Amino acid sequence: MTTWRKNPLDQDESFKTTRKQLPADATIIMLADTTRLIQVIMEFAKDAFAAVPGFPGGGAFPELKAPKGKPAYFGVAIALKAEYATFDLFVPVTAVQQVRKMFAPLIDMDN
């Protein structure tokens, strides 16, 4: 049995809250665990910068760790209509707080 069947997102309050903030008639909807997405992006950036010859630091970023606790989801929705298109972005405060905690080691590096 797959993991998502054991732990469905429709039971996650953070996921449900973010989904409710996005339009029901969207053509494309994306919800993501904010801290996991940032970890993936930072790993990609680290590898990309390390591959650039002579790049200062060689991609030496500290490892960013997600704060303990439940994930916070942000959401993006795009609705395509014949006359127009709309773009919605929802970022809950809990996601911003988690990102701030993740980046604290980078922010405090210069101090």
Protein backbone atom coordinates (compact mmCIF):
# COMPACT_ATOMS: atom_id res chain seq x y z
CA MET A 1 0.00 0.00 0.00
CA THR A 2 1.32 3.46 -0.84
CA THR A 3 2.13 6.00 1.86
CA TRP A 4 -0.40 8.58 0.73
CA ARG A 5 -3.24 6.16 1.41
CA LYS A 6 -2.07 5.76 5.01
CA ASN A 7 -1.70 9.51 5.56
CA PRO A 8 -4.12 11.34 3.25
CA LEU A 9 -3.62 15.08 2.87
CA ASP A 10 -7.34 15.72 3.06
CA GLN A 11 -7.02 15.05 6.79
CA ASP A 12 -4.23 17.63 7.22
CA GLU A 13 -5.62 20.93 8.56
CA SER A 14 -2.83 23.03 7.06
CA PHE A 15 -3.40 21.50 3.63
CA LYS A 16 -7.18 21.95 3.88
CA THR A 17 -6.80 25.59 4.98
CA THR A 18 -4.55 26.42 2.04
CA ARG A 19 -6.79 24.61 -0.45
CA LYS A 20 -9.85 26.52 0.80
CA GLN A 21 -8.11 29.81 0.02
CA LEU A 22 -7.67 28.92 -3.66
CA PRO A 23 -10.45 29.20 -6.26
CA ALA A 24 -12.50 26.08 -6.85
CA ASP A 25 -12.63 26.62 -10.62
CA ALA A 26 -8.87 26.81 -11.17
CA THR A 27 -7.35 25.13 -14.21
CA ILE A 28 -4.06 24.40 -12.43
CA ILE A 29 -3.56 24.06 -8.68
CA MET A 30 -0.32 23.40 -6.84
CA LEU A 31 0.10 23.01 -3.10
CA ALA A 32 3.52 22.33 -1.64
CA ASP A 33 5.08 21.72 1.74
CA THR A 34 6.98 24.98 2.01
CA THR A 35 10.06 23.77 3.88
CA ARG A 36 10.51 20.63 1.77
CA LEU A 37 10.31 22.68 -1.42
CA ILE A 38 12.93 25.12 -0.12
CA GLN A 39 15.22 22.24 0.85
CA VAL A 40 14.99 20.84 -2.70
CA ILE A 41 15.63 24.26 -4.27
CA MET A 42 18.63 24.90 -2.01
CA GLU A 43 20.12 21.47 -2.78
CA PHE A 44 19.74 22.20 -6.49
CA ALA A 45 21.36 25.64 -6.08
CA LYS A 46 24.20 24.16 -4.04
CA ASP A 47 24.95 21.57 -6.74
CA ALA A 48 24.63 24.14 -9.53
CA PHE A 49 26.98 26.65 -7.86
CA ALA A 50 29.49 23.91 -7.00
CA ALA A 51 29.65 23.00 -10.71
CA VAL A 52 30.62 26.55 -11.73
CA PRO A 53 34.42 26.80 -11.89
CA GLY A 54 35.76 29.62 -9.75
CA PHE A 55 32.43 30.43 -8.12
CA PRO A 56 33.13 31.92 -4.68
CA GLY A 57 32.39 29.40 -1.98
CA GLY A 58 31.84 26.60 -4.49
CA GLY A 59 28.25 26.16 -3.41
CA ALA A 60 29.15 25.92 0.27
CA PHE A 61 25.73 26.53 1.79
CA PRO A 62 24.88 25.34 5.25
CA GLU A 63 22.34 22.55 5.38
CA LEU A 64 18.88 23.97 5.95
CA LYS A 65 16.74 21.88 8.24
CA ALA A 66 12.98 22.03 8.40
CA PRO A 67 11.67 23.00 11.81
CA LYS A 68 9.98 20.28 13.80
CA GLY A 69 6.23 20.09 13.68
CA LYS A 70 3.55 19.81 11.08
CA PRO A 71 4.20 21.08 7.56
CA ALA A 72 2.74 24.35 6.32
CA TYR A 73 1.55 24.44 2.73
CA PHE A 74 1.51 27.32 0.29
CA GLY A 75 -0.73 27.23 -2.74
CA VAL A 76 -0.81 28.53 -6.30
CA ALA A 77 -3.82 28.47 -8.61
CA ILE A 78 -4.14 29.51 -12.24
CA ALA A 79 -7.54 29.80 -13.89
CA LEU A 80 -7.59 30.02 -17.67
CA LYS A 81 -10.72 31.53 -19.19
CA ALA A 82 -11.52 32.51 -22.77
CA GLU A 83 -11.26 36.23 -21.95
CA TYR A 84 -8.63 36.28 -19.21
CA ALA A 85 -6.41 34.31 -16.87
CA THR A 86 -6.03 34.68 -13.10
CA PHE A 87 -3.18 33.83 -10.77
CA ASP A 88 -3.70 33.28 -7.04
CA LEU A 89 -1.00 32.74 -4.44
CA PHE A 90 -1.69 31.89 -0.82
CA VAL A 91 1.12 31.79 1.74
CA PRO A 92 0.00 31.24 5.34
CA VAL A 93 1.83 32.91 8.21
CA THR A 94 2.88 29.50 9.52
CA ALA A 95 4.79 28.87 6.27
CA VAL A 96 6.59 32.21 6.57
CA GLN A 97 7.51 31.42 10.18
CA GLN A 98 8.92 28.03 9.20
CA VAL A 99 10.97 29.56 6.38
CA ARG A 100 12.35 32.18 8.78
CA LYS A 101 13.46 29.41 11.16
CA MET A 102 15.08 27.49 8.28
CA PHE A 103 17.07 30.51 7.10
CA ALA A 104 18.14 31.62 10.59
CA PRO A 105 21.59 29.94 10.19
CA LEU A 106 22.20 31.85 6.94
CA ILE A 107 20.92 35.12 8.35
CA ASP A 108 23.02 34.76 11.49
CA MET A 109 26.18 33.74 9.57
CA ASP A 110 27.37 37.32 9.19
CA ASN A 111 26.79 38.23 12.85
